[in-house]
């Protein structure tokens, strides 16, 4: 029985490749396990707009959400990130496995423009599993709004 994410990809007719890599402790480890550069490990972040109103933001692995850019795009003054339990309630997925594909609610998707024209890897709804997929096809299937919504990852 495929995960809801894989079932949704199949239903959308999107070609993808499953990568099973087991547990990873960081984004850099995920990139290494998936055999891709860090920017191609796409983070799916659940953002709360209001009560029972969320959206997915897809960001390259080497970038973070720019809250001012995202608020301006959405025309809102306040956004927040739900805790792990609220994110699971909103999506049906545990943190670290979240993907817009097969989520329990089809929340709107905002994707950073830097994802265009590449093969990306996304969580596949289960731990240690990802899918490699053409970003443009995935964003089209999700009806994503594509815009500049990220900043470089801050230096540590």
N, C-alpha and C. Protein backbone atom coordinates (compact mmCIF):
# COMPACT_ATOMS: atom_id res chain seq x y z
N UNK A 1 0.85 -1.18 0.00
CA UNK A 1 0.00 0.00 0.00
C UNK A 1 0.89 1.25 0.00
N UNK A 2 0.82 2.06 -1.03
CA UNK A 2 1.68 3.24 -1.05
C UNK A 2 1.21 4.28 -0.03
N UNK A 3 2.15 5.12 0.38
CA UNK A 3 1.79 6.21 1.29
C UNK A 3 0.80 7.13 0.59
N UNK A 4 0.06 7.95 1.34
CA UNK A 4 -0.84 8.91 0.69
C UNK A 4 -0.09 9.82 -0.30
N UNK A 5 1.17 10.15 0.01
CA UNK A 5 1.95 11.01 -0.89
C UNK A 5 2.19 10.31 -2.23
N UNK A 6 2.63 9.05 -2.18
CA UNK A 6 2.90 8.32 -3.43
C UNK A 6 1.61 8.06 -4.19
N UNK A 7 0.53 7.76 -3.47
CA UNK A 7 -0.77 7.57 -4.13
C UNK A 7 -1.20 8.85 -4.84
N UNK A 8 -0.98 10.02 -4.20
CA UNK A 8 -1.35 11.29 -4.81
C UNK A 8 -0.50 11.58 -6.05
N UNK A 9 0.79 11.27 -5.98
CA UNK A 9 1.66 11.45 -7.14
C UNK A 9 1.21 10.56 -8.29
N UNK A 10 0.88 9.31 -7.97
CA UNK A 10 0.39 8.38 -9.00
C UNK A 10 -0.91 8.90 -9.60
N UNK A 11 -1.82 9.36 -8.76
CA UNK A 11 -3.12 9.85 -9.24
C UNK A 11 -2.95 11.07 -10.14
N UNK A 12 -1.91 11.89 -9.86
CA UNK A 12 -1.66 13.08 -10.66
C UNK A 12 -0.91 12.75 -11.95
N UNK A 13 -0.47 11.47 -12.07
CA UNK A 13 0.25 11.06 -13.27
C UNK A 13 1.64 11.65 -13.36
N UNK A 14 2.21 12.00 -12.22
CA UNK A 14 3.55 12.61 -12.22
C UNK A 14 4.63 11.54 -12.13
N UNK A 15 5.61 11.59 -13.02
CA UNK A 15 6.74 10.67 -12.87
C UNK A 15 7.61 11.09 -11.70
N UNK A 16 8.06 10.13 -10.92
CA UNK A 16 8.92 10.41 -9.77
C UNK A 16 9.76 9.19 -9.49
N UNK A 17 10.80 9.38 -8.68
CA UNK A 17 11.66 8.29 -8.27
C UNK A 17 11.69 8.29 -6.75
N UNK A 18 11.42 7.14 -6.14
CA UNK A 18 11.44 7.03 -4.68
C UNK A 18 12.88 6.80 -4.21
N UNK A 19 13.27 7.55 -3.19
CA UNK A 19 14.59 7.40 -2.58
C UNK A 19 14.36 7.03 -1.12
N UNK A 20 14.74 5.80 -0.75
CA UNK A 20 14.62 5.37 0.64
C UNK A 20 16.02 5.42 1.24
N UNK A 21 16.21 6.29 2.23
CA UNK A 21 17.55 6.49 2.76
C UNK A 21 17.66 6.31 4.27
N UNK A 22 16.57 6.04 4.94
CA UNK A 22 16.64 5.85 6.38
C UNK A 22 16.78 7.18 7.11
N UNK A 23 16.93 7.12 8.42
CA UNK A 23 16.94 8.34 9.23
C UNK A 23 18.13 9.24 8.91
N UNK A 24 17.89 10.54 8.95
CA UNK A 24 18.96 11.53 8.80
C UNK A 24 18.81 12.56 9.90
N UNK A 25 19.92 13.17 10.30
CA UNK A 25 19.88 14.10 11.41
C UNK A 25 19.89 15.56 11.00
N UNK A 26 20.11 15.82 9.71
CA UNK A 26 20.18 17.22 9.27
C UNK A 26 19.86 17.29 7.78
N UNK A 27 19.68 18.51 7.33
CA UNK A 27 19.43 18.72 5.91
C UNK A 27 20.64 18.28 5.08
N UNK A 28 21.85 18.58 5.57
CA UNK A 28 23.06 18.17 4.86
C UNK A 28 23.14 16.65 4.75
N UNK A 29 22.76 15.95 5.83
CA UNK A 29 22.75 14.48 5.79
C UNK A 29 21.70 13.98 4.80
N UNK A 30 20.56 14.65 4.76
CA UNK A 30 19.52 14.26 3.80
C UNK A 30 20.03 14.42 2.37
N UNK A 31 20.71 15.52 2.09
CA UNK A 31 21.25 15.76 0.74
C UNK A 31 22.25 14.66 0.38
N UNK A 32 23.13 14.33 1.32
CA UNK A 32 24.12 13.29 1.06
C UNK A 32 23.43 11.94 0.83
N UNK A 33 22.45 11.61 1.66
CA UNK A 33 21.75 10.33 1.54
C UNK A 33 20.97 10.25 0.23
N UNK A 34 20.45 11.38 -0.23
CA UNK A 34 19.68 11.40 -1.47
C UNK A 34 20.56 11.58 -2.70
N UNK A 35 21.84 11.89 -2.49
CA UNK A 35 22.76 12.07 -3.61
C UNK A 35 22.48 13.33 -4.41
N UNK A 36 22.04 14.39 -3.74
CA UNK A 36 21.73 15.65 -4.41
C UNK A 36 22.38 16.80 -3.67
N UNK A 37 22.56 17.96 -4.35
CA UNK A 37 23.05 19.13 -3.63
C UNK A 37 22.00 19.64 -2.64
N UNK A 38 22.46 20.33 -1.59
CA UNK A 38 21.56 20.82 -0.54
C UNK A 38 20.37 21.62 -1.09
N UNK A 39 20.56 22.52 -2.09
CA UNK A 39 19.39 23.28 -2.56
C UNK A 39 18.27 22.41 -3.14
N UNK A 40 18.60 21.20 -3.58
CA UNK A 40 17.59 20.31 -4.17
C UNK A 40 16.85 19.48 -3.14
N UNK A 41 17.20 19.62 -1.86
CA UNK A 41 16.40 19.04 -0.78
C UNK A 41 15.39 20.12 -0.40
N UNK A 42 14.17 19.94 -0.85
CA UNK A 42 13.16 20.98 -0.65
C UNK A 42 12.46 20.77 0.68
N UNK A 43 12.40 21.85 1.45
CA UNK A 43 11.71 21.82 2.75
C UNK A 43 10.25 22.23 2.50
N UNK A 44 9.33 21.42 3.03
CA UNK A 44 7.91 21.75 3.00
C UNK A 44 7.56 22.26 4.39
N UNK A 45 7.26 23.55 4.47
CA UNK A 45 7.00 24.19 5.76
C UNK A 45 5.53 24.56 5.84
N UNK A 46 4.90 24.15 6.95
CA UNK A 46 3.50 24.48 7.18
C UNK A 46 3.44 25.83 7.88
N UNK A 47 2.69 26.75 7.30
CA UNK A 47 2.55 28.09 7.86
C UNK A 47 1.07 28.30 8.19
N UNK A 48 0.83 28.87 9.37
CA UNK A 48 -0.54 29.14 9.82
C UNK A 48 -0.89 30.59 9.51
N UNK A 49 -2.00 30.75 8.78
CA UNK A 49 -2.50 32.09 8.47
C UNK A 49 -3.55 32.52 9.47
N UNK A 50 -4.31 31.56 9.96
CA UNK A 50 -5.38 31.85 10.91
C UNK A 50 -5.94 30.55 11.42
N UNK A 51 -7.03 30.63 12.18
CA UNK A 51 -7.65 29.43 12.72
C UNK A 51 -8.06 28.52 11.57
N UNK A 52 -7.57 27.29 11.58
CA UNK A 52 -7.86 26.30 10.54
C UNK A 52 -7.59 26.84 9.13
N UNK A 53 -6.54 27.61 8.99
CA UNK A 53 -6.14 28.17 7.70
C UNK A 53 -4.61 28.12 7.60
N UNK A 54 -4.15 27.16 6.82
CA UNK A 54 -2.70 26.94 6.68
C UNK A 54 -2.31 27.02 5.21
N UNK A 55 -1.01 26.99 4.98
CA UNK A 55 -0.50 26.84 3.62
C UNK A 55 0.85 26.15 3.71
N UNK A 56 1.26 25.61 2.56
CA UNK A 56 2.57 24.98 2.46
C UNK A 56 3.51 25.96 1.77
N UNK A 57 4.72 26.09 2.30
CA UNK A 57 5.74 26.90 1.64
C UNK A 57 6.90 25.96 1.31
N UNK A 58 7.26 25.90 0.04
CA UNK A 58 8.35 25.04 -0.43
C UNK A 58 9.60 25.89 -0.61
N UNK A 59 10.67 25.54 0.10
CA UNK A 59 11.91 26.31 0.02
C UNK A 59 13.09 25.42 -0.32
N UNK A 60 14.06 25.94 -1.10
CA UNK A 60 15.28 25.17 -1.33
C UNK A 60 15.99 24.93 0.00
N UNK A 61 16.73 23.83 0.08
CA UNK A 61 17.38 23.44 1.32
C UNK A 61 18.36 24.44 1.88
N UNK A 62 18.91 25.30 1.04
CA UNK A 62 19.91 26.26 1.51
C UNK A 62 19.30 27.64 1.79
N UNK A 63 17.95 27.71 1.85
CA UNK A 63 17.28 29.00 2.05
C UNK A 63 16.23 28.89 3.14
N UNK A 64 15.81 30.02 3.66
CA UNK A 64 14.79 30.07 4.71
C UNK A 64 13.67 31.02 4.26
N UNK A 65 12.49 30.84 4.84
CA UNK A 65 11.38 31.73 4.53
C UNK A 65 11.76 33.17 4.88
N UNK A 66 11.49 34.08 3.97
CA UNK A 66 11.57 35.51 4.26
C UNK A 66 10.17 35.92 4.72
N UNK A 67 9.99 36.11 6.02
CA UNK A 67 8.65 36.42 6.53
C UNK A 67 8.11 37.73 5.96
N UNK A 68 8.93 38.78 5.81
CA UNK A 68 8.39 40.00 5.19
C UNK A 68 7.92 39.77 3.75
N UNK A 69 8.69 39.02 2.97
CA UNK A 69 8.30 38.74 1.58
C UNK A 69 7.02 37.92 1.53
N UNK A 70 6.91 36.91 2.40
CA UNK A 70 5.73 36.04 2.41
C UNK A 70 4.50 36.81 2.86
N UNK A 71 4.63 37.62 3.90
CA UNK A 71 3.48 38.42 4.36
C UNK A 71 3.03 39.38 3.26
N UNK A 72 3.99 40.00 2.57
CA UNK A 72 3.63 40.94 1.49
C UNK A 72 2.91 40.21 0.35
N UNK A 73 3.41 39.02 -0.02
CA UNK A 73 2.78 38.24 -1.09
C UNK A 73 1.34 37.89 -0.73
N UNK A 74 1.12 37.51 0.52
CA UNK A 74 -0.20 37.06 0.96
C UNK A 74 -1.10 38.21 1.41
N UNK A 75 -0.52 39.40 1.56
CA UNK A 75 -1.31 40.54 2.00
C UNK A 75 -1.81 40.41 3.43
N UNK A 76 -0.98 39.81 4.28
CA UNK A 76 -1.35 39.65 5.68
C UNK A 76 -0.28 40.26 6.57
N UNK A 77 -0.66 40.58 7.80
CA UNK A 77 0.31 41.18 8.71
C UNK A 77 0.88 40.16 9.68
N UNK A 78 0.26 38.99 9.76
CA UNK A 78 0.69 38.03 10.76
C UNK A 78 0.63 36.61 10.21
N UNK A 79 1.71 35.88 10.39
CA UNK A 79 1.79 34.46 10.06
C UNK A 79 2.53 33.79 11.20
N UNK A 80 2.31 32.49 11.37
CA UNK A 80 3.05 31.77 12.40
C UNK A 80 3.29 30.34 11.94
N UNK A 81 4.16 29.66 12.68
CA UNK A 81 4.41 28.25 12.40
C UNK A 81 3.76 27.42 13.50
N UNK A 82 2.91 26.47 13.12
CA UNK A 82 2.27 25.63 14.13
C UNK A 82 3.29 24.69 14.78
N UNK A 83 2.97 24.25 15.98
CA UNK A 83 3.84 23.25 16.61
C UNK A 83 3.65 21.91 15.90
N UNK A 84 4.44 20.92 16.27
CA UNK A 84 4.43 19.64 15.58
C UNK A 84 3.05 18.99 15.57
N UNK A 85 2.35 19.06 16.71
CA UNK A 85 1.02 18.42 16.79
C UNK A 85 0.02 19.14 15.88
N UNK A 86 0.06 20.46 15.85
CA UNK A 86 -0.86 21.21 14.99
C UNK A 86 -0.52 21.00 13.52
N UNK A 87 0.78 20.90 13.20
CA UNK A 87 1.18 20.64 11.81
C UNK A 87 0.67 19.26 11.37
N UNK A 88 0.77 18.28 12.27
CA UNK A 88 0.27 16.95 11.92
C UNK A 88 -1.25 16.97 11.75
N UNK A 89 -1.94 17.69 12.61
CA UNK A 89 -3.40 17.78 12.50
C UNK A 89 -3.80 18.45 11.19
N UNK A 90 -3.01 19.41 10.73
CA UNK A 90 -3.34 20.16 9.51
C UNK A 90 -3.00 19.39 8.24
N UNK A 91 -2.02 18.46 8.33
CA UNK A 91 -1.53 17.81 7.11
C UNK A 91 -1.69 16.29 7.09
N UNK A 92 -1.77 15.68 8.27
CA UNK A 92 -1.77 14.22 8.35
C UNK A 92 -0.38 13.63 8.38
N UNK A 93 0.65 14.48 8.34
CA UNK A 93 2.04 14.01 8.32
C UNK A 93 2.81 14.49 9.53
N UNK A 94 3.75 13.64 9.97
CA UNK A 94 4.68 14.02 11.03
C UNK A 94 5.68 15.02 10.47
N UNK A 95 6.16 15.92 11.33
CA UNK A 95 7.20 16.85 10.92
C UNK A 95 8.41 16.05 10.42
N UNK A 96 9.03 16.52 9.35
CA UNK A 96 10.15 15.80 8.74
C UNK A 96 9.70 14.91 7.60
N UNK A 97 8.38 14.68 7.48
CA UNK A 97 7.87 13.86 6.38
C UNK A 97 6.83 14.64 5.57
N UNK A 98 6.55 15.88 5.97
CA UNK A 98 5.46 16.66 5.39
C UNK A 98 5.71 16.95 3.91
N UNK A 99 4.65 16.78 3.14
CA UNK A 99 4.65 17.07 1.71
C UNK A 99 3.24 17.54 1.36
N UNK A 100 3.13 18.42 0.36
CA UNK A 100 1.76 18.80 -0.03
C UNK A 100 1.01 17.67 -0.73
N UNK A 101 1.74 16.69 -1.26
CA UNK A 101 1.10 15.58 -1.98
C UNK A 101 0.47 14.61 -0.98
N UNK A 102 -0.83 14.43 -1.08
CA UNK A 102 -1.53 13.48 -0.22
C UNK A 102 -1.83 13.98 1.17
N UNK A 103 -1.63 15.27 1.41
CA UNK A 103 -1.96 15.82 2.74
C UNK A 103 -3.47 15.69 2.96
N UNK A 104 -3.87 15.63 4.22
CA UNK A 104 -5.30 15.45 4.52
C UNK A 104 -6.13 16.64 4.06
N UNK A 105 -5.52 17.82 3.97
CA UNK A 105 -6.19 18.99 3.40
C UNK A 105 -5.27 19.56 2.32
N UNK A 106 -5.83 19.90 1.19
CA UNK A 106 -5.04 20.46 0.07
C UNK A 106 -4.86 21.96 0.28
N UNK A 107 -4.03 22.32 1.26
CA UNK A 107 -3.77 23.73 1.54
C UNK A 107 -3.08 24.37 0.34
N UNK A 108 -3.21 25.69 0.18
CA UNK A 108 -2.49 26.37 -0.91
C UNK A 108 -0.98 26.16 -0.78
N UNK A 109 -0.30 26.18 -1.92
CA UNK A 109 1.15 25.98 -1.95
C UNK A 109 1.82 27.24 -2.51
N UNK A 110 2.81 27.72 -1.78
CA UNK A 110 3.67 28.81 -2.24
C UNK A 110 5.05 28.20 -2.41
N UNK A 111 5.65 28.39 -3.58
CA UNK A 111 6.97 27.81 -3.84
C UNK A 111 7.96 28.92 -4.18
N UNK A 112 9.15 28.81 -3.62
CA UNK A 112 10.17 29.79 -3.96
C UNK A 112 10.55 29.65 -5.43
N UNK A 113 10.73 30.77 -6.10
CA UNK A 113 11.00 30.77 -7.54
C UNK A 113 12.29 30.06 -7.91
N UNK A 114 13.19 29.87 -6.96
CA UNK A 114 14.46 29.20 -7.26
C UNK A 114 14.31 27.71 -7.50
N UNK A 115 13.11 27.16 -7.26
CA UNK A 115 12.88 25.73 -7.50
C UNK A 115 12.65 25.43 -8.98
N UNK A 116 12.26 26.44 -9.76
CA UNK A 116 11.92 26.22 -11.17
C UNK A 116 13.08 25.62 -11.96
N UNK A 117 12.72 24.75 -12.91
CA UNK A 117 13.69 24.24 -13.87
C UNK A 117 14.67 23.23 -13.32
N UNK A 118 14.35 22.59 -12.20
CA UNK A 118 15.28 21.64 -11.59
C UNK A 118 14.56 20.36 -11.21
N UNK A 119 15.37 19.33 -10.98
CA UNK A 119 14.82 18.15 -10.32
C UNK A 119 15.03 18.40 -8.83
N UNK A 120 13.97 18.20 -8.05
CA UNK A 120 14.04 18.42 -6.61
C UNK A 120 13.68 17.13 -5.88
N UNK A 121 13.99 17.10 -4.59
CA UNK A 121 13.54 15.99 -3.76
C UNK A 121 12.64 16.56 -2.67
N UNK A 122 11.56 15.84 -2.42
CA UNK A 122 10.56 16.24 -1.42
C UNK A 122 10.33 15.07 -0.48
N UNK A 123 9.88 15.39 0.73
CA UNK A 123 9.45 14.34 1.63
C UNK A 123 8.34 13.52 0.98
N UNK A 124 8.24 12.27 1.38
CA UNK A 124 7.25 11.37 0.76
C UNK A 124 6.23 10.88 1.78
N UNK A 125 6.11 11.60 2.89
CA UNK A 125 5.07 11.25 3.86
C UNK A 125 5.44 10.16 4.84
N UNK A 126 6.65 9.63 4.73
CA UNK A 126 7.09 8.62 5.70
C UNK A 126 8.56 8.86 6.01
N UNK A 127 8.99 8.54 7.23
CA UNK A 127 10.38 8.82 7.61
C UNK A 127 11.39 8.12 6.70
N UNK A 128 12.51 8.83 6.42
CA UNK A 128 13.59 8.24 5.65
C UNK A 128 13.26 7.99 4.19
N UNK A 129 12.23 8.64 3.68
CA UNK A 129 11.82 8.43 2.30
C UNK A 129 11.58 9.77 1.63
N UNK A 130 12.05 9.87 0.39
CA UNK A 130 11.85 11.10 -0.39
C UNK A 130 11.47 10.70 -1.81
N UNK A 131 11.00 11.68 -2.57
CA UNK A 131 10.79 11.47 -4.00
C UNK A 131 11.60 12.52 -4.75
N UNK A 132 12.19 12.09 -5.85
CA UNK A 132 12.84 13.01 -6.79
C UNK A 132 11.84 13.26 -7.90
N UNK A 133 11.63 14.53 -8.23
CA UNK A 133 10.58 14.90 -9.16
C UNK A 133 10.96 16.18 -9.89
N UNK A 134 10.46 16.34 -11.10
CA UNK A 134 10.67 17.57 -11.84
C UNK A 134 9.90 18.69 -11.13
N UNK A 135 10.61 19.73 -10.74
CA UNK A 135 9.98 20.81 -9.96
C UNK A 135 8.85 21.47 -10.74
N UNK A 136 9.05 21.77 -12.00
CA UNK A 136 8.02 22.48 -12.76
C UNK A 136 6.73 21.66 -12.85
N UNK A 137 6.87 20.35 -13.07
CA UNK A 137 5.68 19.49 -13.15
C UNK A 137 4.99 19.41 -11.79
N UNK A 138 5.78 19.29 -10.72
CA UNK A 138 5.20 19.21 -9.37
C UNK A 138 4.47 20.51 -9.02
N UNK A 139 5.10 21.65 -9.30
CA UNK A 139 4.49 22.94 -8.96
C UNK A 139 3.21 23.16 -9.76
N UNK A 140 3.21 22.73 -11.03
CA UNK A 140 1.99 22.85 -11.85
C UNK A 140 0.88 21.97 -11.28
N UNK A 141 1.22 20.73 -10.91
CA UNK A 141 0.22 19.81 -10.38
C UNK A 141 -0.37 20.32 -9.06
N UNK A 142 0.44 21.03 -8.29
CA UNK A 142 -0.01 21.55 -7.00
C UNK A 142 -0.73 22.90 -7.15
N UNK A 143 -0.70 23.46 -8.34
CA UNK A 143 -1.28 24.80 -8.52
C UNK A 143 -0.55 25.83 -7.69
N UNK A 144 0.77 25.65 -7.54
CA UNK A 144 1.55 26.50 -6.65
C UNK A 144 1.65 27.93 -7.17
N UNK A 145 1.66 28.86 -6.24
CA UNK A 145 2.04 30.24 -6.52
C UNK A 145 3.55 30.29 -6.39
N UNK A 146 4.24 30.71 -7.45
CA UNK A 146 5.70 30.73 -7.45
C UNK A 146 6.16 32.18 -7.33
N UNK A 147 6.99 32.45 -6.33
CA UNK A 147 7.44 33.82 -6.07
C UNK A 147 8.75 33.79 -5.28
N UNK A 148 9.37 34.95 -5.15
CA UNK A 148 10.57 35.09 -4.33
C UNK A 148 10.12 35.22 -2.88
N UNK A 149 10.20 34.14 -2.12
CA UNK A 149 9.74 34.16 -0.72
C UNK A 149 10.80 33.68 0.26
N UNK A 150 12.06 33.64 -0.18
CA UNK A 150 13.12 33.14 0.71
C UNK A 150 14.31 34.09 0.77
N UNK A 151 15.13 33.85 1.77
CA UNK A 151 16.41 34.52 1.94
C UNK A 151 17.46 33.42 2.10
N UNK A 152 18.75 33.75 1.86
CA UNK A 152 19.79 32.74 2.10
C UNK A 152 19.77 32.28 3.56
N UNK A 153 20.13 31.02 3.76
CA UNK A 153 20.26 30.48 5.12
C UNK A 153 21.29 31.32 5.86
N UNK A 154 20.98 31.80 7.07
CA UNK A 154 21.96 32.62 7.79
C UNK A 154 23.23 31.81 8.11
N UNK A 155 24.36 32.48 8.11
CA UNK A 155 25.62 31.82 8.48
C UNK A 155 25.56 31.45 9.96
N UNK A 156 26.17 30.31 10.28
CA UNK A 156 26.16 29.90 11.69
C UNK A 156 27.51 30.12 12.30
